[in-house]
Amino acid sequence: MQQIVDLHEDPAFQALDVGFLSIAFDSAEEQAAGAIEYGITEVPLLTDTDHSVSEAYDVLKWAVASGEPGHTFILLDAEGRIAWIRDYGAPDNPERTMYVPIPDLVTQIQEHLN
């Protein structure tokens, strides 16, 4: 959840003027507990306990050993179509990480907004 906090607080990310939310397999109770722990109040935290959203965006192909999605970022265009997708926790990603430096994300998202 630290990634959510850091993105929300980063001026360069905010300047991109993109909508931002988190989707996880965690239950609403787990999401709420994490939000309290990390002080998240303005970023929507959505639950995907039935995996329907993860399946719809085909991110389970990068699932970690537990079957959960890795650390996937999706940029949608105005019509709701995927304009850019990147999973940083995927086994085939040499950088495999669950925290992406904010400047890296900002640069990559900016490239796909232009």
N, C-alpha and C. Protein backbone atom coordinates (compact mmCIF):
# COMPACT_ATOMS: atom_id res chain seq x y z
N MET A 1 0.81 -1.20 0.00
CA MET A 1 0.00 0.00 0.00
C MET A 1 0.85 1.27 0.00
N GLN A 2 2.14 1.11 0.32
CA GLN A 2 3.00 2.28 0.31
C GLN A 2 3.07 2.90 -1.09
N GLN A 3 3.00 2.06 -2.13
CA GLN A 3 3.00 2.55 -3.51
C GLN A 3 1.82 3.51 -3.73
N ILE A 4 0.66 3.16 -3.20
CA ILE A 4 -0.54 4.00 -3.34
C ILE A 4 -0.31 5.35 -2.68
N VAL A 5 0.20 5.33 -1.47
CA VAL A 5 0.46 6.56 -0.73
C VAL A 5 1.45 7.44 -1.50
N ASP A 6 2.55 6.84 -1.94
CA ASP A 6 3.58 7.62 -2.62
C ASP A 6 3.10 8.20 -3.94
N LEU A 7 2.31 7.42 -4.69
CA LEU A 7 1.75 7.95 -5.94
C LEU A 7 0.82 9.13 -5.65
N HIS A 8 -0.04 8.94 -4.68
CA HIS A 8 -1.02 9.98 -4.36
C HIS A 8 -0.35 11.28 -3.92
N GLU A 9 0.76 11.18 -3.25
CA GLU A 9 1.43 12.36 -2.70
C GLU A 9 2.46 12.98 -3.65
N ASP A 10 2.76 12.32 -4.75
CA ASP A 10 3.81 12.80 -5.64
C ASP A 10 3.30 13.89 -6.59
N PRO A 11 3.90 15.09 -6.55
CA PRO A 11 3.45 16.18 -7.43
C PRO A 11 3.56 15.86 -8.92
N ALA A 12 4.60 15.16 -9.33
CA ALA A 12 4.77 14.82 -10.75
C ALA A 12 3.67 13.86 -11.21
N PHE A 13 3.32 12.91 -10.35
CA PHE A 13 2.23 12.00 -10.70
C PHE A 13 0.91 12.76 -10.74
N GLN A 14 0.69 13.62 -9.77
CA GLN A 14 -0.54 14.40 -9.74
C GLN A 14 -0.67 15.27 -10.99
N ALA A 15 0.44 15.77 -11.49
CA ALA A 15 0.43 16.64 -12.67
C ALA A 15 -0.02 15.88 -13.93
N LEU A 16 0.07 14.55 -13.91
CA LEU A 16 -0.38 13.76 -15.05
C LEU A 16 -1.91 13.85 -15.22
N ASP A 17 -2.60 14.16 -14.13
CA ASP A 17 -4.05 14.31 -14.13
C ASP A 17 -4.75 13.06 -14.65
N VAL A 18 -4.37 11.91 -14.08
CA VAL A 18 -5.00 10.64 -14.43
C VAL A 18 -5.79 10.14 -13.22
N GLY A 19 -6.89 9.46 -13.49
CA GLY A 19 -7.62 8.83 -12.41
C GLY A 19 -6.79 7.71 -11.82
N PHE A 20 -7.03 7.40 -10.56
CA PHE A 20 -6.16 6.49 -9.85
C PHE A 20 -6.98 5.70 -8.84
N LEU A 21 -6.86 4.38 -8.89
CA LEU A 21 -7.50 3.53 -7.90
C LEU A 21 -6.71 2.26 -7.75
N SER A 22 -6.98 1.53 -6.68
CA SER A 22 -6.31 0.26 -6.42
C SER A 22 -7.36 -0.84 -6.43
N ILE A 23 -7.00 -1.95 -7.07
CA ILE A 23 -7.88 -3.13 -7.10
C ILE A 23 -7.06 -4.30 -6.57
N ALA A 24 -7.62 -5.02 -5.60
CA ALA A 24 -6.90 -6.14 -5.00
C ALA A 24 -7.87 -7.27 -4.65
N PHE A 25 -7.34 -8.47 -4.49
CA PHE A 25 -8.14 -9.62 -4.07
C PHE A 25 -8.56 -9.50 -2.60
N ASP A 26 -7.91 -8.63 -1.86
CA ASP A 26 -8.20 -8.48 -0.44
C ASP A 26 -9.67 -8.16 -0.19
N SER A 27 -10.18 -8.62 0.94
CA SER A 27 -11.56 -8.32 1.31
C SER A 27 -11.69 -6.84 1.65
N ALA A 28 -12.91 -6.38 1.73
CA ALA A 28 -13.17 -4.98 2.09
C ALA A 28 -12.59 -4.69 3.48
N GLU A 29 -12.67 -5.65 4.37
CA GLU A 29 -12.14 -5.46 5.73
C GLU A 29 -10.62 -5.31 5.70
N GLU A 30 -9.96 -6.15 4.90
CA GLU A 30 -8.50 -6.06 4.77
C GLU A 30 -8.09 -4.74 4.13
N GLN A 31 -8.82 -4.32 3.11
CA GLN A 31 -8.54 -3.04 2.45
C GLN A 31 -8.71 -1.90 3.44
N ALA A 32 -9.80 -1.94 4.22
CA ALA A 32 -10.06 -0.87 5.19
C ALA A 32 -8.97 -0.80 6.25
N ALA A 33 -8.52 -1.96 6.72
CA ALA A 33 -7.44 -1.99 7.71
C ALA A 33 -6.16 -1.40 7.14
N GLY A 34 -5.84 -1.76 5.90
CA GLY A 34 -4.65 -1.21 5.24
C GLY A 34 -4.77 0.29 5.04
N ALA A 35 -5.96 0.75 4.68
CA ALA A 35 -6.17 2.19 4.49
C ALA A 35 -5.93 2.95 5.78
N ILE A 36 -6.40 2.40 6.88
CA ILE A 36 -6.17 3.04 8.18
C ILE A 36 -4.69 3.04 8.51
N GLU A 37 -4.05 1.89 8.34
CA GLU A 37 -2.62 1.77 8.67
C GLU A 37 -1.77 2.75 7.87
N TYR A 38 -2.09 2.93 6.59
CA TYR A 38 -1.28 3.79 5.72
C TYR A 38 -1.84 5.20 5.56
N GLY A 39 -2.97 5.49 6.20
CA GLY A 39 -3.55 6.82 6.12
C GLY A 39 -4.14 7.14 4.75
N ILE A 40 -4.62 6.13 4.04
CA ILE A 40 -5.20 6.33 2.71
C ILE A 40 -6.66 6.76 2.88
N THR A 41 -6.96 7.96 2.42
CA THR A 41 -8.33 8.46 2.56
C THR A 41 -8.94 8.91 1.24
N GLU A 42 -8.11 9.20 0.25
CA GLU A 42 -8.63 9.77 -1.00
C GLU A 42 -8.49 8.88 -2.22
N VAL A 43 -7.86 7.75 -2.10
CA VAL A 43 -7.68 6.84 -3.23
C VAL A 43 -8.67 5.69 -3.07
N PRO A 44 -9.54 5.46 -4.06
CA PRO A 44 -10.47 4.33 -3.96
C PRO A 44 -9.73 3.00 -3.92
N LEU A 45 -10.12 2.16 -2.98
CA LEU A 45 -9.56 0.82 -2.85
C LEU A 45 -10.69 -0.16 -3.14
N LEU A 46 -10.63 -0.81 -4.28
CA LEU A 46 -11.69 -1.71 -4.71
C LEU A 46 -11.30 -3.16 -4.47
N THR A 47 -12.28 -3.98 -4.12
CA THR A 47 -12.02 -5.39 -3.91
C THR A 47 -12.40 -6.18 -5.17
N ASP A 48 -11.62 -7.21 -5.42
CA ASP A 48 -11.86 -8.09 -6.55
C ASP A 48 -11.84 -9.53 -6.05
N THR A 49 -12.63 -9.79 -5.02
CA THR A 49 -12.59 -11.10 -4.38
C THR A 49 -13.06 -12.22 -5.29
N ASP A 50 -13.87 -11.90 -6.30
CA ASP A 50 -14.31 -12.96 -7.24
C ASP A 50 -13.41 -13.02 -8.48
N HIS A 51 -12.40 -12.15 -8.53
CA HIS A 51 -11.37 -12.13 -9.59
C HIS A 51 -11.91 -11.69 -10.95
N SER A 52 -13.12 -11.20 -11.00
CA SER A 52 -13.73 -10.84 -12.28
C SER A 52 -13.02 -9.68 -12.96
N VAL A 53 -12.57 -8.70 -12.20
CA VAL A 53 -11.86 -7.56 -12.80
C VAL A 53 -10.49 -8.00 -13.29
N SER A 54 -9.80 -8.78 -12.48
CA SER A 54 -8.48 -9.29 -12.88
C SER A 54 -8.57 -10.14 -14.13
N GLU A 55 -9.62 -10.94 -14.21
CA GLU A 55 -9.83 -11.77 -15.40
C GLU A 55 -10.18 -10.91 -16.62
N ALA A 56 -11.02 -9.91 -16.42
CA ALA A 56 -11.44 -9.04 -17.53
C ALA A 56 -10.26 -8.31 -18.15
N TYR A 57 -9.29 -7.92 -17.33
CA TYR A 57 -8.11 -7.21 -17.83
C TYR A 57 -6.94 -8.16 -18.10
N ASP A 58 -7.17 -9.46 -17.96
CA ASP A 58 -6.19 -10.50 -18.29
C ASP A 58 -4.87 -10.34 -17.55
N VAL A 59 -4.94 -9.92 -16.28
CA VAL A 59 -3.70 -9.75 -15.51
C VAL A 59 -3.30 -11.00 -14.75
N LEU A 60 -4.18 -12.01 -14.72
CA LEU A 60 -3.82 -13.23 -13.98
C LEU A 60 -2.75 -14.04 -14.68
N LYS A 61 -2.48 -13.71 -15.94
CA LYS A 61 -1.39 -14.40 -16.64
C LYS A 61 -0.04 -14.10 -15.98
N TRP A 62 -0.01 -13.03 -15.17
CA TRP A 62 1.22 -12.66 -14.45
C TRP A 62 1.11 -12.98 -12.96
N ALA A 63 0.18 -13.82 -12.58
CA ALA A 63 -0.06 -14.10 -11.17
C ALA A 63 1.20 -14.61 -10.48
N VAL A 64 1.30 -14.25 -9.21
CA VAL A 64 2.39 -14.75 -8.38
C VAL A 64 2.01 -16.15 -7.90
N ALA A 65 2.87 -16.81 -7.17
CA ALA A 65 2.66 -18.20 -6.77
C ALA A 65 1.33 -18.44 -6.05
N SER A 66 0.83 -17.43 -5.33
CA SER A 66 -0.43 -17.57 -4.60
C SER A 66 -1.65 -17.49 -5.52
N GLY A 67 -1.43 -17.16 -6.80
CA GLY A 67 -2.54 -17.01 -7.74
C GLY A 67 -3.06 -15.59 -7.85
N GLU A 68 -2.51 -14.70 -7.04
CA GLU A 68 -2.92 -13.30 -7.07
C GLU A 68 -2.17 -12.55 -8.16
N PRO A 69 -2.78 -11.48 -8.68
CA PRO A 69 -2.06 -10.65 -9.65
C PRO A 69 -0.78 -10.14 -9.03
N GLY A 70 0.20 -9.87 -9.87
CA GLY A 70 1.45 -9.29 -9.38
C GLY A 70 1.24 -7.83 -9.03
N HIS A 71 2.04 -6.99 -9.60
CA HIS A 71 1.97 -5.55 -9.34
C HIS A 71 1.75 -4.89 -10.69
N THR A 72 0.49 -4.82 -11.10
CA THR A 72 0.13 -4.41 -12.44
C THR A 72 -0.42 -3.00 -12.47
N PHE A 73 0.03 -2.23 -13.45
CA PHE A 73 -0.50 -0.89 -13.68
C PHE A 73 -1.17 -0.89 -15.05
N ILE A 74 -2.36 -0.32 -15.10
CA ILE A 74 -3.11 -0.25 -16.35
C ILE A 74 -3.54 1.20 -16.55
N LEU A 75 -3.29 1.70 -17.73
CA LEU A 75 -3.73 3.05 -18.11
C LEU A 75 -4.83 2.87 -19.13
N LEU A 76 -6.02 3.39 -18.82
CA LEU A 76 -7.15 3.30 -19.73
C LEU A 76 -7.34 4.62 -20.45
N ASP A 77 -7.80 4.54 -21.70
CA ASP A 77 -8.09 5.77 -22.43
C ASP A 77 -9.50 6.25 -22.06
N ALA A 78 -9.94 7.32 -22.66
CA ALA A 78 -11.23 7.93 -22.33
C ALA A 78 -12.40 6.99 -22.59
N GLU A 79 -12.22 6.03 -23.49
CA GLU A 79 -13.27 5.06 -23.80
C GLU A 79 -13.20 3.81 -22.93
N GLY A 80 -12.23 3.76 -22.01
CA GLY A 80 -12.08 2.62 -21.13
C GLY A 80 -11.27 1.48 -21.70
N ARG A 81 -10.60 1.71 -22.81
CA ARG A 81 -9.74 0.68 -23.42
C ARG A 81 -8.33 0.79 -22.84
N ILE A 82 -7.65 -0.33 -22.80
CA ILE A 82 -6.28 -0.33 -22.28
C ILE A 82 -5.36 0.41 -23.24
N ALA A 83 -4.73 1.45 -22.74
CA ALA A 83 -3.77 2.22 -23.53
C ALA A 83 -2.34 1.78 -23.21
N TRP A 84 -2.16 1.23 -22.01
CA TRP A 84 -0.83 0.78 -21.57
C TRP A 84 -1.04 -0.15 -20.40
N ILE A 85 -0.28 -1.24 -20.35
CA ILE A 85 -0.34 -2.17 -19.23
C ILE A 85 1.06 -2.69 -18.96
N ARG A 86 1.38 -2.80 -17.69
CA ARG A 86 2.71 -3.30 -17.31
C ARG A 86 2.62 -3.98 -15.96
N ASP A 87 3.10 -5.19 -15.89
CA ASP A 87 3.14 -5.90 -14.62
C ASP A 87 4.59 -5.97 -14.16
N TYR A 88 4.85 -5.40 -13.02
CA TYR A 88 6.22 -5.32 -12.50
C TYR A 88 6.59 -6.52 -11.64
N GLY A 89 5.61 -7.34 -11.26
CA GLY A 89 5.89 -8.51 -10.44
C GLY A 89 5.91 -9.79 -11.24
N ALA A 90 5.68 -9.68 -12.56
CA ALA A 90 5.60 -10.86 -13.42
C ALA A 90 6.90 -11.64 -13.40
N PRO A 91 6.78 -12.97 -13.39
CA PRO A 91 7.99 -13.81 -13.39
C PRO A 91 8.92 -13.55 -14.57
N ASP A 92 8.37 -13.13 -15.72
CA ASP A 92 9.23 -12.89 -16.88
C ASP A 92 9.78 -11.46 -16.93
N ASN A 93 9.48 -10.67 -15.92
CA ASN A 93 10.00 -9.30 -15.84
C ASN A 93 11.31 -9.34 -15.05
N PRO A 94 12.43 -9.00 -15.69
CA PRO A 94 13.71 -9.09 -14.98
C PRO A 94 13.81 -8.15 -13.78
N GLU A 95 13.00 -7.10 -13.77
CA GLU A 95 13.02 -6.15 -12.64
C GLU A 95 12.13 -6.62 -11.50
N ARG A 96 11.39 -7.67 -11.67
CA ARG A 96 10.39 -8.19 -10.74
C ARG A 96 10.41 -7.49 -9.38
N THR A 97 9.41 -6.65 -9.18
CA THR A 97 9.34 -5.87 -7.95
C THR A 97 7.89 -5.62 -7.57
N MET A 98 7.65 -5.38 -6.31
CA MET A 98 6.32 -5.01 -5.85
C MET A 98 6.27 -3.53 -5.47
N TYR A 99 7.33 -2.80 -5.72
CA TYR A 99 7.32 -1.35 -5.54
C TYR A 99 8.11 -0.76 -6.71
N VAL A 100 7.45 0.13 -7.43
CA VAL A 100 8.07 0.75 -8.60
C VAL A 100 8.41 2.19 -8.24
N PRO A 101 9.65 2.63 -8.46
CA PRO A 101 9.99 4.02 -8.17
C PRO A 101 9.03 4.97 -8.90
N ILE A 102 8.53 5.94 -8.18
CA ILE A 102 7.53 6.86 -8.74
C ILE A 102 8.04 7.56 -9.99
N PRO A 103 9.28 8.06 -10.04
CA PRO A 103 9.74 8.71 -11.28
C PRO A 103 9.67 7.78 -12.49
N ASP A 104 9.93 6.48 -12.29
CA ASP A 104 9.84 5.52 -13.39
C ASP A 104 8.41 5.42 -13.90
N LEU A 105 7.46 5.32 -12.97
CA LEU A 105 6.06 5.24 -13.37
C LEU A 105 5.61 6.51 -14.08
N VAL A 106 5.97 7.65 -13.53
CA VAL A 106 5.58 8.93 -14.13
C VAL A 106 6.09 9.00 -15.57
N THR A 107 7.35 8.65 -15.77
CA THR A 107 7.93 8.70 -17.12
C THR A 107 7.19 7.77 -18.07
N GLN A 108 6.96 6.54 -17.64
CA GLN A 108 6.30 5.57 -18.51
C GLN A 108 4.86 5.96 -18.82
N ILE A 109 4.13 6.45 -17.84
CA ILE A 109 2.74 6.87 -18.07
C ILE A 109 2.72 8.10 -18.98
N GLN A 110 3.61 9.04 -18.73
CA GLN A 110 3.67 10.27 -19.57
C GLN A 110 3.91 9.91 -21.03
N GLU A 111 4.79 8.96 -21.28
CA GLU A 111 5.07 8.53 -22.66
C GLU A 111 3.81 8.02 -23.34
N HIS A 112 2.93 7.38 -22.60
CA HIS A 112 1.73 6.80 -23.20
C HIS A 112 0.55 7.78 -23.22
N LEU A 113 0.69 8.88 -22.55
CA LEU A 113 -0.36 9.91 -22.60
C LEU A 113 -0.18 10.79 -23.83
N ASN A 114 1.04 10.89 -24.33
CA ASN A 114 1.32 11.77 -25.48
C ASN A 114 0.94 11.15 -26.79
